[in-house]
Amino acid sequence: LPDSDQLKTGVGQKVHDGTDVAVVAYGPTLLKQAYLAAAALAQQHISVAVYNFPWLNTIDEAFVTALSNYRAVLTLDNHYVQLGQGVMIKAAVGSQCVNLGLTAVPSCGQNDEVLAHHQLDAASIQAHIQQLLA
């Protein structure tokens, strides 16, 4: 993120512009995967915004309003989906929100293998977004 960015409690920082779908993630691993998926989808004329959202239990009403302007919102949790950040965002945004994250004990392996297994790699995120828009 640029040094000039200022964190504001409950508000996501847009790290990739887009208009069709918003992906909300946090941390260097999932943000990178979301960014790579957005870049790949841009080649297919699918416009994906990516937001860094490091807040686990606070969401600003203005950010909820911003997310409601997208056809769909996809959240990425690097832990269990149940009671995770994505659940909070879905409760605020509504039915156009889909949560991705762990639903079982995490697998072991190299980072790229584990991300792919749990469908949190760029290719899987890209496929989820395509399904959301279908």
Protein backbone atom coordinates (compact mmCIF):
# COMPACT_ATOMS: atom_id res chain seq x y z
CA LEU A 1 0.00 0.00 0.00
CA PRO A 2 1.22 3.52 -0.67
CA ASP A 3 2.82 5.32 2.28
CA SER A 4 0.30 8.13 1.83
CA ASP A 5 -2.65 5.85 2.66
CA GLN A 6 -4.21 6.48 6.04
CA LEU A 7 -6.13 3.70 7.75
CA LYS A 8 -9.62 4.67 8.86
CA THR A 9 -11.35 2.32 11.27
CA GLY A 10 -13.99 0.23 9.52
CA VAL A 11 -13.18 1.43 6.00
CA GLY A 12 -11.48 -0.59 3.28
CA GLN A 13 -8.65 0.81 1.19
CA LYS A 14 -9.09 0.23 -2.53
CA VAL A 15 -5.93 -1.34 -3.95
CA HIS A 16 -7.38 -2.16 -7.39
CA ASP A 17 -10.11 -0.24 -9.22
CA GLY A 18 -13.15 -2.03 -10.56
CA THR A 19 -16.88 -1.64 -11.09
CA ASP A 20 -18.50 -5.10 -11.40
CA VAL A 21 -17.41 -7.01 -8.29
CA ALA A 22 -15.65 -6.06 -5.07
CA VAL A 23 -13.24 -8.45 -3.37
CA VAL A 24 -12.56 -7.71 0.28
CA ALA A 25 -9.41 -9.25 1.77
CA TYR A 26 -6.58 -8.51 4.18
CA GLY A 27 -2.97 -9.46 4.64
CA PRO A 28 -0.27 -9.85 2.02
CA THR A 29 -1.17 -13.41 0.96
CA LEU A 30 -4.88 -13.00 0.22
CA LEU A 31 -4.56 -9.44 -1.08
CA LYS A 32 -2.00 -10.65 -3.61
CA GLN A 33 -4.26 -13.50 -4.75
CA ALA A 34 -7.23 -11.13 -5.06
CA TYR A 35 -5.13 -8.62 -7.00
CA LEU A 36 -3.86 -11.32 -9.40
CA ALA A 37 -7.43 -12.57 -9.97
CA ALA A 38 -8.63 -9.02 -10.66
CA ALA A 39 -5.81 -8.45 -13.15
CA ALA A 40 -6.60 -11.72 -14.97
CA LEU A 41 -10.32 -10.94 -15.09
CA ALA A 42 -9.61 -7.50 -16.54
CA GLN A 43 -8.33 -9.31 -19.64
CA GLN A 44 -11.85 -10.78 -19.94
CA HIS A 45 -13.47 -7.34 -19.49
CA ILE A 46 -14.62 -8.13 -15.96
CA SER A 47 -13.90 -5.18 -13.70
CA VAL A 48 -12.97 -6.18 -10.13
CA ALA A 49 -12.21 -3.82 -7.27
CA VAL A 50 -9.97 -5.14 -4.51
CA TYR A 51 -10.15 -3.71 -1.00
CA ASN A 52 -7.75 -4.14 1.88
CA PHE A 53 -9.96 -4.42 4.96
CA PRO A 54 -7.92 -5.12 8.11
CA TRP A 55 -10.86 -4.69 10.49
CA LEU A 56 -12.18 -7.92 12.00
CA ASN A 57 -15.17 -6.55 13.88
CA THR A 58 -15.85 -2.99 12.74
CA ILE A 59 -17.43 -1.80 9.50
CA ASP A 60 -18.21 1.81 8.65
CA GLU A 61 -21.65 2.59 7.19
CA ALA A 62 -20.08 4.54 4.32
CA PHE A 63 -18.01 1.47 3.40
CA VAL A 64 -21.17 -0.68 3.45
CA THR A 65 -22.77 1.82 1.06
CA ALA A 66 -19.74 1.70 -1.23
CA LEU A 67 -19.86 -2.11 -1.34
CA SER A 68 -23.57 -2.12 -2.13
CA ASN A 69 -22.80 -0.43 -5.47
CA TYR A 70 -21.23 -3.64 -6.84
CA ARG A 71 -23.13 -6.48 -8.49
CA ALA A 72 -21.46 -8.86 -6.05
CA VAL A 73 -19.04 -8.79 -3.13
CA LEU A 74 -16.61 -11.62 -2.43
CA THR A 75 -14.84 -11.77 0.93
CA LEU A 76 -11.68 -13.78 1.60
CA ASP A 77 -10.87 -15.07 5.07
CA ASN A 78 -7.57 -16.85 5.79
CA HIS A 79 -9.28 -18.76 8.60
CA TYR A 80 -12.66 -20.34 9.25
CA VAL A 81 -15.55 -18.62 7.49
CA GLN A 82 -17.83 -19.21 10.48
CA LEU A 83 -17.78 -16.07 12.64
CA GLY A 84 -15.08 -14.53 10.43
CA GLN A 85 -14.81 -11.08 8.92
CA GLY A 86 -16.78 -12.13 5.85
CA VAL A 87 -19.82 -12.99 7.96
CA MET A 88 -19.82 -9.45 9.38
CA ILE A 89 -19.55 -7.96 5.90
CA LYS A 90 -22.30 -10.22 4.54
CA ALA A 91 -24.60 -9.24 7.42
CA ALA A 92 -24.03 -5.58 6.56
CA VAL A 93 -24.08 -5.83 2.75
CA GLY A 94 -26.67 -8.55 2.19
CA SER A 95 -27.29 -11.39 -0.19
CA GLN A 96 -24.96 -10.22 -2.96
CA CYS A 97 -22.04 -11.12 -0.67
CA VAL A 98 -20.27 -14.50 -0.81
CA ASN A 99 -17.68 -15.59 1.75
CA LEU A 100 -14.65 -17.74 0.92
CA GLY A 101 -12.39 -19.18 3.58
CA LEU A 102 -11.71 -22.32 5.53
CA THR A 103 -14.54 -24.74 6.24
CA ALA A 104 -12.36 -27.62 7.45
CA VAL A 105 -9.02 -28.16 9.16
CA PRO A 106 -6.38 -26.49 7.00
CA SER A 107 -4.32 -28.74 4.76
CA CYS A 108 -0.55 -28.92 4.96
CA GLY A 109 1.83 -28.11 2.14
CA GLN A 110 3.50 -25.26 0.33
CA ASN A 111 1.57 -21.96 0.40
CA ASP A 112 0.47 -22.25 -3.23
CA GLU A 113 -0.73 -25.83 -2.67
CA VAL A 114 -2.71 -24.94 0.45
CA LEU A 115 -4.28 -21.87 -1.18
CA ALA A 116 -5.34 -23.92 -4.21
CA HIS A 117 -6.70 -26.75 -2.06
CA HIS A 118 -8.89 -24.32 -0.10
CA GLN A 119 -9.83 -22.38 -3.26
CA LEU A 120 -8.15 -19.19 -2.06
CA ASP A 121 -5.61 -18.92 -4.89
CA ALA A 122 -5.98 -16.43 -7.74
CA ALA A 123 -7.33 -19.02 -10.20
CA SER A 124 -10.03 -20.17 -7.76
CA ILE A 125 -10.98 -16.59 -6.87
CA GLN A 126 -11.24 -15.83 -10.58
CA ALA A 127 -13.53 -18.86 -11.07
CA HIS A 128 -15.74 -17.84 -8.13
CA ILE A 129 -16.15 -14.35 -9.56
CA GLN A 130 -17.05 -15.73 -12.98
CA GLN A 131 -19.70 -17.94 -11.32
CA LEU A 132 -21.09 -14.99 -9.38
CA LEU A 133 -21.56 -13.02 -12.59
CA ALA A 134 -22.97 -15.93 -14.63
